[in-house]
Protein backbone atom coordinates (compact mmCIF):
# COMPACT_ATOMS: atom_id res chain seq x y z
CA MET A 1 -16.00 -9.76 23.69
CA GLY A 2 -14.03 -12.77 22.60
CA GLN A 3 -14.49 -14.83 25.77
CA GLN A 4 -15.93 -17.82 23.93
CA LEU A 5 -13.36 -17.57 21.15
CA LEU A 6 -10.58 -17.64 23.74
CA LYS A 7 -12.14 -20.76 25.25
CA TYR A 8 -11.82 -22.44 21.87
CA TYR A 9 -8.12 -21.50 21.79
CA SER A 10 -7.68 -22.95 25.26
CA TYR A 11 -9.45 -26.16 24.28
CA VAL A 12 -7.34 -26.60 21.15
CA GLY A 13 -4.20 -25.87 23.16
CA GLN A 14 -5.08 -28.65 25.59
CA LYS A 15 -5.92 -31.14 22.84
CA ALA A 16 -3.43 -30.27 20.07
CA GLY A 17 -0.82 -28.00 21.62
CA VAL A 18 0.77 -24.98 20.02
CA GLU A 19 0.56 -26.50 16.56
CA GLY A 20 -3.19 -26.79 16.94
CA LYS A 21 -3.50 -23.17 18.04
CA ILE A 22 -1.49 -22.11 15.00
CA ARG A 23 -3.80 -24.13 12.74
CA LEU A 24 -6.82 -22.54 14.44
CA ALA A 25 -5.46 -19.05 13.74
CA GLN A 26 -4.69 -19.97 10.13
CA THR A 27 -8.11 -21.52 9.58
CA THR A 28 -10.17 -18.79 11.23
CA HIS A 29 -7.96 -15.84 10.27
CA ILE A 30 -8.34 -14.66 13.88
CA THR A 31 -5.26 -14.79 16.09
CA VAL A 32 -5.40 -15.19 19.87
CA SER A 33 -4.80 -11.47 20.36
CA MET A 34 -7.52 -10.62 17.83
CA ALA A 35 -9.90 -13.04 19.57
CA THR A 36 -9.78 -10.94 22.74
CA THR A 37 -11.62 -8.13 20.97
CA ALA A 38 -13.53 -10.04 18.28
CA PRO A 39 -17.26 -10.40 18.88
CA ASP A 40 -18.62 -13.73 20.09
CA ASP A 41 -21.29 -13.57 17.42
CA ALA A 42 -22.95 -16.49 15.67
CA VAL A 43 -20.69 -16.23 12.61
CA ASN A 44 -17.42 -16.31 14.55
CA LEU A 45 -18.63 -19.06 16.85
CA LYS A 46 -19.63 -21.23 13.90
CA ILE A 47 -16.28 -20.66 12.18
CA PHE A 48 -14.40 -21.55 15.35
CA GLN A 49 -16.52 -24.59 16.15
CA GLU A 50 -16.03 -26.00 12.65
CA ALA A 51 -12.28 -25.28 12.75
CA VAL A 52 -11.86 -26.89 16.16
CA ASP A 53 -13.81 -29.93 15.02
CA HIS A 54 -11.51 -30.24 12.01
CA ILE A 55 -8.32 -29.80 14.06
CA VAL A 56 -9.03 -32.06 17.05
CA GLY A 57 -11.87 -34.21 15.74
CA GLN A 58 -14.50 -32.74 18.05
CA ALA A 59 -15.57 -29.31 19.16
CA PRO A 60 -17.20 -28.59 22.48
CA SER A 61 -20.38 -26.59 22.25
CA VAL A 62 -20.25 -23.08 23.64
CA ALA A 63 -22.88 -24.08 26.20
CA GLU A 64 -20.69 -26.94 27.41
CA ASN A 65 -17.77 -24.53 27.83
CA GLU A 66 -19.89 -22.13 29.85
CA THR A 67 -21.18 -24.92 32.09
CA ARG A 68 -17.72 -26.31 32.78
CA ASN A 69 -16.32 -22.92 33.70
CA ASP A 70 -19.12 -21.85 36.04
CA PRO A 71 -18.12 -21.81 39.71
């Protein structure tokens, strides 16, 4: 649970720093700690993808994240 959501937090942290992560939490109403247990369902993923796109100007697709993190 929450693995993809945490990847969005990591991505925003790299692109927009702590301020971006704060904006992501405010926009999604899901904090980093809540994201660890929140489901990676279609609704949450869409909310996060749209929020990340708004914050940093582009959002990686979940599939891209999975591919980049595979060993």
